[in-house]
């Protein structure tokens, strides 16, 4: 009878643990908006900002280095907003080319459009991005690339949401929400007189800062598996996993190109492999070179015993999370640590 009671208690404890894990998974799923991928603390903070931002119609400014997912973030905001049924229109401010004979800037022509005959070479009417985005969201990628004259034109449009096509006399109206992105610090540019102060404050109603991939390494394997699934679907491949040496290389690399570089890397490797596994030799040479320069997270010099122990503990936790693709509960089971203690440790070490 005593053994039966002990078995019942053990089963109850196991059920409670599974229920906690299910709640944790639901919380993670609920936190992820749209097609965003990542469970790290840095990305969970971004998710909260996205959801708060999506609930209103105010302009938003997304900061992030190249490859961090600024356009995906803007699309996610639009898809969660009341404007989700409207168009999502992208205007890249850094790659505009001037047209011969066009008296206006390339930005003005692309934003507002032009009438036929407005300038030499304007053989047809061109509908601008502002008009295309009517009722939806206009994403201005890399707004820091705009010169001061174009910044003034953008500000005037944002203030009244009215414009004229180049060569036209009719004033047009477009109801759009503006989301802009920048890889440069606009406040510093503002202090250097390179960015208009009034435009900055108009754009910076809501601000979201995306972390570099090196700041969210616990997401690397989740992203890698996501990209493998995409490659399998796109090219009819059947890649199922990453080898341990390949995982080590992915985790050791510093990813200067961020998520975009990881996506390109996985696509190349998934197409290069001859079986269902991505091996270390399938990865680009840059990763194979970089892994030799990996440095230990154990501090050097005359560190205290407490510092050394904490660093070693952090390394053990990081390795457990890596083995379990960032799954907190599974990593805790590997280490025989309770979910509550795992949450505490992960928060303590900023993993």
Protein backbone atom coordinates (compact mmCIF):
# COMPACT_ATOMS: atom_id res chain seq x y z
CA UNK A 1 0.00 0.00 0.00
CA UNK A 2 2.82 2.35 0.85
CA UNK A 3 4.50 1.66 -2.50
CA UNK A 4 1.24 2.41 -4.32
CA UNK A 5 0.88 5.73 -2.49
CA UNK A 6 4.48 6.62 -3.35
CA UNK A 7 3.86 5.75 -7.00
CA UNK A 8 0.71 7.89 -7.01
CA UNK A 9 2.61 10.81 -5.51
CA UNK A 10 5.38 10.36 -8.08
CA UNK A 11 2.85 10.37 -10.91
CA UNK A 12 1.15 13.47 -9.51
CA UNK A 13 4.50 15.28 -9.34
CA UNK A 14 5.28 14.22 -12.91
CA UNK A 15 1.87 15.46 -14.13
CA UNK A 16 2.40 18.78 -12.36
CA UNK A 17 5.79 19.11 -14.03
CA UNK A 18 4.31 18.38 -17.46
CA UNK A 19 1.52 20.90 -16.83
CA UNK A 20 4.12 23.55 -15.93
CA UNK A 21 6.04 22.78 -19.11
CA UNK A 22 2.85 23.03 -21.19
CA UNK A 23 2.07 26.41 -19.60
CA UNK A 24 5.62 27.58 -20.35
CA UNK A 25 5.31 26.47 -23.98
CA UNK A 26 1.94 28.22 -24.32
CA UNK A 27 3.41 31.38 -22.84
CA UNK A 28 6.27 31.24 -25.35
CA UNK A 29 3.89 30.63 -28.27
CA UNK A 30 1.58 33.42 -27.15
CA UNK A 31 4.50 35.82 -26.88
CA UNK A 32 5.66 35.25 -30.46
CA UNK A 33 3.90 37.62 -32.82
CA UNK A 34 3.54 36.82 -36.51
CA UNK A 35 6.46 34.95 -38.07
CA UNK A 36 9.06 36.10 -35.56
CA UNK A 37 11.43 33.37 -34.32
CA UNK A 38 13.23 33.35 -30.97
CA UNK A 39 12.75 32.61 -27.28
CA UNK A 40 15.57 34.72 -25.86
CA UNK A 41 14.92 37.39 -23.26
CA UNK A 42 15.98 40.05 -25.76
CA UNK A 43 13.38 38.92 -28.30
CA UNK A 44 10.63 38.54 -25.71
CA UNK A 45 11.16 42.19 -24.85
CA UNK A 46 10.85 43.03 -28.56
CA UNK A 47 7.63 41.00 -28.81
CA UNK A 48 6.06 43.03 -26.01
CA UNK A 49 7.02 46.25 -27.78
CA UNK A 50 5.58 44.98 -31.07
CA UNK A 51 2.25 44.08 -29.48
CA UNK A 52 2.04 47.42 -27.69
CA UNK A 53 2.91 49.22 -30.93
CA UNK A 54 0.44 47.26 -33.05
CA UNK A 55 -2.48 48.38 -30.93
CA UNK A 56 -2.24 52.01 -32.05
CA UNK A 57 -1.74 53.94 -35.27
CA UNK A 58 1.24 56.07 -34.25
CA UNK A 59 4.44 56.29 -36.31
CA UNK A 60 7.14 53.86 -35.23
CA UNK A 61 10.92 53.80 -35.50
CA UNK A 62 12.79 50.49 -35.65
CA UNK A 63 16.50 50.53 -34.83
CA UNK A 64 18.74 47.63 -35.75
CA UNK A 65 21.90 46.73 -37.60
CA UNK A 66 21.73 45.24 -41.08
CA UNK A 67 20.25 41.75 -41.11
CA UNK A 68 18.45 41.93 -37.76
CA UNK A 69 14.96 41.76 -39.28
CA UNK A 70 13.70 45.33 -39.40
CA UNK A 71 11.34 44.75 -42.34
CA UNK A 72 9.94 41.56 -40.78
CA UNK A 73 9.31 43.50 -37.58
CA UNK A 74 7.49 46.23 -39.49
CA UNK A 75 5.40 43.64 -41.34
CA UNK A 76 4.51 41.97 -38.06
CA UNK A 77 3.35 45.27 -36.59
CA UNK A 78 1.20 45.88 -39.66
CA UNK A 79 -0.29 42.36 -39.57
CA UNK A 80 -1.30 42.77 -35.92
CA UNK A 81 -2.69 46.28 -36.37
CA UNK A 82 -6.17 47.45 -37.40
CA UNK A 83 -4.61 48.10 -40.83
CA UNK A 84 -3.83 44.40 -41.40
CA UNK A 85 -6.26 44.27 -44.33
CA UNK A 86 -4.51 47.17 -46.06
CA UNK A 87 -1.36 47.18 -48.19
CA UNK A 88 2.14 46.95 -46.74
CA UNK A 89 4.42 49.04 -48.97
CA UNK A 90 8.20 49.25 -48.72
CA UNK A 91 10.32 52.19 -49.84
CA UNK A 92 14.06 51.61 -49.49
CA UNK A 93 15.65 55.00 -48.93
CA UNK A 94 19.26 53.92 -49.42
CA UNK A 95 19.09 52.42 -52.91
CA UNK A 96 17.19 55.05 -54.87
CA UNK A 97 18.61 56.12 -58.22
CA UNK A 98 18.10 59.50 -59.80
CA UNK A 99 16.39 59.54 -63.23
CA UNK A 100 17.90 61.54 -66.06
CA UNK A 101 15.90 64.69 -66.71
CA UNK A 102 13.94 64.39 -63.47
CA UNK A 103 14.02 67.72 -61.56
CA UNK A 104 12.85 66.02 -58.36
CA UNK A 105 14.82 63.70 -56.13
CA UNK A 106 14.49 59.95 -56.56
CA UNK A 107 12.85 59.78 -53.13
CA UNK A 108 10.23 62.38 -54.00
CA UNK A 109 9.44 60.62 -57.30
CA UNK A 110 9.08 57.23 -55.60
CA UNK A 111 7.10 58.57 -52.66
CA UNK A 112 4.67 60.82 -54.53
CA UNK A 113 4.84 59.51 -58.10
CA UNK A 114 4.68 61.59 -61.29
CA UNK A 115 2.46 62.31 -64.28
CA UNK A 116 3.24 61.44 -67.85
CA UNK A 117 5.44 64.12 -69.39
CA UNK A 118 6.52 65.50 -66.01
CA UNK A 119 10.15 65.25 -67.15
CA UNK A 120 12.24 63.77 -69.94
CA UNK A 121 11.69 60.01 -69.89
CA UNK A 122 8.40 60.11 -67.97
CA UNK A 123 6.43 58.28 -70.67
CA UNK A 124 3.71 56.97 -68.36
CA UNK A 125 2.07 57.96 -65.11
CA UNK A 126 3.90 56.52 -62.09
CA UNK A 127 1.91 55.91 -58.90
CA UNK A 128 4.02 56.67 -55.84
CA UNK A 129 4.41 54.56 -52.73
CA UNK A 130 2.34 56.96 -50.63
CA UNK A 131 -0.64 56.44 -52.93
CA UNK A 132 -0.13 52.67 -53.16
CA UNK A 133 -0.05 52.41 -49.35
CA UNK A 134 -3.36 54.25 -48.86
CA UNK A 135 -5.30 52.56 -46.06
CA UNK A 136 -2.28 50.54 -44.98
CA UNK A 137 1.30 50.85 -43.81
CA UNK A 138 4.27 52.54 -45.49
CA UNK A 139 7.64 51.19 -44.37
CA UNK A 140 10.58 53.56 -44.97
CA UNK A 141 13.66 51.37 -44.80
CA UNK A 142 16.90 53.11 -43.78
CA UNK A 143 15.39 56.56 -43.37
CA UNK A 144 18.79 57.86 -42.20
CA UNK A 145 19.91 57.81 -45.86
CA UNK A 146 17.62 60.72 -46.73
CA UNK A 147 19.14 64.15 -47.26
CA UNK A 148 17.72 67.20 -45.50
CA UNK A 149 15.55 68.35 -48.47
CA UNK A 150 13.89 64.94 -48.68
CA UNK A 151 13.44 64.88 -44.91
CA UNK A 152 11.49 68.12 -45.19
CA UNK A 153 9.21 66.65 -47.88
CA UNK A 154 8.59 63.57 -45.76
CA UNK A 155 7.76 65.71 -42.74
CA UNK A 156 5.22 67.77 -44.70
CA UNK A 157 3.55 64.62 -45.95
CA UNK A 158 3.36 63.16 -42.44
CA UNK A 159 1.83 66.35 -41.08
CA UNK A 160 -1.02 66.54 -43.59
CA UNK A 161 -0.89 63.26 -45.49
CA UNK A 162 -1.44 65.23 -48.68
CA UNK A 163 0.81 65.43 -51.74
CA UNK A 164 0.97 66.18 -55.46
CA UNK A 165 2.35 63.87 -58.08
CA UNK A 166 5.31 65.45 -59.85
CA UNK A 167 3.93 67.36 -62.84
CA UNK A 168 0.36 67.23 -61.49
CA UNK A 169 -1.88 69.95 -60.06
CA UNK A 170 -4.37 67.82 -58.14
CA UNK A 171 -3.77 67.53 -54.39
CA UNK A 172 -4.10 63.93 -53.27
CA UNK A 173 -4.66 62.44 -49.83
CA UNK A 174 -3.33 59.15 -48.51
CA UNK A 175 -4.19 57.64 -45.14
CA UNK A 176 -1.05 55.70 -44.20
CA UNK A 177 0.78 54.66 -41.08
CA UNK A 178 4.50 55.38 -41.28
CA UNK A 179 7.02 52.89 -39.90
CA UNK A 180 10.67 53.81 -40.43
CA UNK A 181 13.90 51.95 -39.77
CA UNK A 182 17.49 53.00 -39.26
CA UNK A 183 20.81 51.29 -38.62
CA UNK A 184 22.29 54.64 -37.57
CA UNK A 185 21.60 56.61 -34.41
CA UNK A 186 19.25 59.38 -35.55
CA UNK A 187 19.73 61.35 -32.33
CA UNK A 188 23.46 61.59 -33.04
CA UNK A 189 22.72 62.58 -36.64
CA UNK A 190 20.30 65.19 -35.30
CA UNK A 191 23.03 66.67 -33.09
CA UNK A 192 25.33 66.77 -36.14
CA UNK A 193 22.62 68.62 -38.09
CA UNK A 194 22.28 65.70 -40.49
CA UNK A 195 18.74 64.80 -39.47
CA UNK A 196 15.84 67.15 -38.80
CA UNK A 197 14.84 67.39 -35.17
CA UNK A 198 11.15 67.84 -35.96
CA UNK A 199 11.12 64.78 -38.23
CA UNK A 200 12.91 62.67 -35.62
CA UNK A 201 10.31 63.45 -32.97
CA UNK A 202 7.52 62.84 -35.47
CA UNK A 203 8.92 59.37 -36.31
CA UNK A 204 10.01 58.43 -32.80
CA UNK A 205 6.58 58.11 -31.19
CA UNK A 206 7.21 54.39 -30.66
CA UNK A 207 10.74 52.99 -30.72
CA UNK A 208 11.82 49.35 -31.07
CA UNK A 209 15.47 48.26 -30.95
CA UNK A 210 16.37 44.88 -32.43
CA UNK A 211 19.32 43.00 -30.92
CA UNK A 212 22.21 41.62 -32.93
CA UNK A 213 22.25 37.84 -33.33
CA UNK A 214 25.40 37.72 -31.17
CA UNK A 215 23.26 39.13 -28.32
CA UNK A 216 20.67 36.36 -28.64
CA UNK A 217 22.76 33.25 -29.19
CA UNK A 218 20.18 30.98 -27.55
CA UNK A 219 18.02 31.64 -30.64
CA UNK A 220 20.61 30.49 -33.19
CA UNK A 221 19.53 26.85 -33.28
CA UNK A 222 15.84 27.74 -33.38
CA UNK A 223 16.50 30.03 -36.33
CA UNK A 224 18.71 27.44 -38.02
CA UNK A 225 15.97 24.79 -37.79
CA UNK A 226 13.43 27.31 -39.09
CA UNK A 227 15.61 28.06 -42.11
CA UNK A 228 16.27 24.35 -42.73
CA UNK A 229 12.50 23.80 -42.88
CA UNK A 230 12.19 26.66 -45.37
CA UNK A 231 14.93 25.21 -47.58
CA UNK A 232 13.32 21.77 -47.48
CA UNK A 233 10.01 23.26 -48.60
CA UNK A 234 11.51 25.53 -51.26
CA UNK A 235 13.92 23.08 -52.87
CA UNK A 236 12.37 19.72 -52.00
CA UNK A 237 15.27 18.78 -49.74
CA UNK A 238 15.06 16.42 -46.74
CA UNK A 239 17.62 17.81 -44.32
CA UNK A 240 16.72 16.72 -40.80
CA UNK A 241 19.46 17.87 -38.46
CA UNK A 242 22.77 19.57 -37.73
CA UNK A 243 25.85 17.65 -36.65
CA UNK A 244 27.42 18.50 -33.29
CA UNK A 245 30.54 20.08 -34.90
CA UNK A 246 28.26 22.16 -37.13
CA UNK A 247 26.29 23.33 -34.08
CA UNK A 248 29.54 24.26 -32.35
CA UNK A 249 30.55 26.36 -35.35
CA UNK A 250 27.19 28.14 -35.47
CA UNK A 251 27.38 28.91 -31.75
CA UNK A 252 31.01 30.07 -31.90
CA UNK A 253 30.67 32.43 -34.86
CA UNK A 254 30.18 36.16 -34.22
CA UNK A 255 27.56 36.73 -37.00
CA UNK A 256 28.36 40.23 -38.26
CA UNK A 257 25.56 39.87 -40.82
CA UNK A 258 23.08 38.83 -38.14
CA UNK A 259 19.97 36.75 -38.96
CA UNK A 260 20.28 37.43 -42.69
CA UNK A 261 23.78 35.93 -42.72
CA UNK A 262 22.56 32.89 -40.76
CA UNK A 263 19.73 32.35 -43.24
CA UNK A 264 22.14 32.51 -46.21
CA UNK A 265 24.56 30.19 -44.40
CA UNK A 266 21.90 27.54 -43.69
CA UNK A 267 20.49 27.70 -47.22
CA UNK A 268 23.95 27.18 -48.70
CA UNK A 269 24.77 24.33 -46.30
CA UNK A 270 21.40 22.58 -46.77
CA UNK A 271 21.92 22.58 -50.52
CA UNK A 272 25.54 21.44 -50.22
CA UNK A 273 25.02 18.43 -47.95
CA UNK A 274 24.81 14.98 -49.54
CA UNK A 275 22.68 13.40 -46.82
CA UNK A 276 20.02 14.43 -44.30
CA UNK A 277 22.51 16.18 -41.99
CA UNK A 278 24.38 19.49 -42.23
CA UNK A 279 28.02 18.79 -41.37
CA UNK A 280 30.74 21.26 -40.41
CA UNK A 281 32.35 20.96 -43.86
CA UNK A 282 29.05 22.06 -45.44
CA UNK A 283 29.25 25.43 -43.70
CA UNK A 284 30.95 28.46 -45.31
CA UNK A 285 34.74 28.85 -44.83
CA UNK A 286 34.20 31.96 -42.69
CA UNK A 287 32.60 29.85 -39.96
CA UNK A 288 35.28 27.18 -40.14
CA UNK A 289 37.98 29.83 -39.74
CA UNK A 290 36.19 31.71 -36.99
CA UNK A 291 35.72 28.66 -34.77
CA UNK A 292 39.47 28.46 -34.22
CA UNK A 293 39.41 31.89 -32.62
CA UNK A 294 36.70 30.99 -30.11
CA UNK A 295 37.45 32.31 -26.65
CA UNK A 296 36.31 30.79 -23.40
CA UNK A 297 33.75 32.62 -21.32
CA UNK A 298 35.76 31.69 -18.21
CA UNK A 299 37.40 34.99 -17.12
CA UNK A 300 41.15 35.31 -17.26
CA UNK A 301 43.42 36.94 -14.73
CA UNK A 302 43.05 37.06 -10.97
CA UNK A 303 39.32 36.46 -10.79
CA UNK A 304 37.71 35.57 -7.46
CA UNK A 305 36.47 32.05 -6.75
CA UNK A 306 32.87 33.30 -6.83
CA UNK A 307 33.39 34.83 -10.29
CA UNK A 308 35.02 31.65 -11.59
CA UNK A 309 32.21 29.46 -10.26
CA UNK A 310 29.52 31.73 -11.73
CA UNK A 311 31.29 31.75 -15.10
CA UNK A 312 31.54 27.96 -15.08
CA UNK A 313 27.87 27.66 -14.10
CA UNK A 314 26.90 29.98 -16.94
CA UNK A 315 28.88 27.87 -19.40
CA UNK A 316 27.13 24.69 -18.21
CA UNK A 317 23.70 26.31 -18.56
CA UNK A 318 24.55 27.66 -22.02
CA UNK A 319 25.68 24.23 -23.18
CA UNK A 320 22.53 22.57 -21.83
CA UNK A 321 20.33 25.11 -23.63
CA UNK A 322 22.33 24.58 -26.82
CA UNK A 323 21.86 20.82 -26.67
CA UNK A 324 18.12 21.26 -26.21
CA UNK A 325 17.59 23.93 -28.87
CA UNK A 326 16.83 26.59 -26.27
CA UNK A 327 14.12 24.54 -24.55
CA UNK A 328 14.27 25.64 -20.92
CA UNK A 329 12.38 22.69 -19.46
CA UNK A 330 14.37 20.06 -21.37
CA UNK A 331 17.66 21.71 -20.36
CA UNK A 332 16.49 21.70 -16.73
CA UNK A 333 15.73 17.99 -16.89
CA UNK A 334 19.21 17.32 -18.29
CA UNK A 335 20.74 19.14 -15.35
CA UNK A 336 18.22 17.83 -12.77
CA UNK A 337 17.21 21.42 -12.04
CA UNK A 338 13.61 22.47 -11.32
CA UNK A 339 11.83 24.77 -13.82
CA UNK A 340 11.68 27.49 -11.17
CA UNK A 341 15.44 27.33 -10.58
CA UNK A 342 16.12 27.26 -14.35
CA UNK A 343 14.06 30.41 -14.82
CA UNK A 344 15.99 32.07 -12.01
CA UNK A 345 19.39 31.03 -13.42
CA UNK A 346 18.57 32.04 -16.97
CA UNK A 347 17.38 35.44 -15.78
CA UNK A 348 20.40 35.85 -13.50
CA UNK A 349 22.93 35.19 -16.27
CA UNK A 350 20.96 36.95 -18.99
CA UNK A 351 20.79 33.86 -21.22
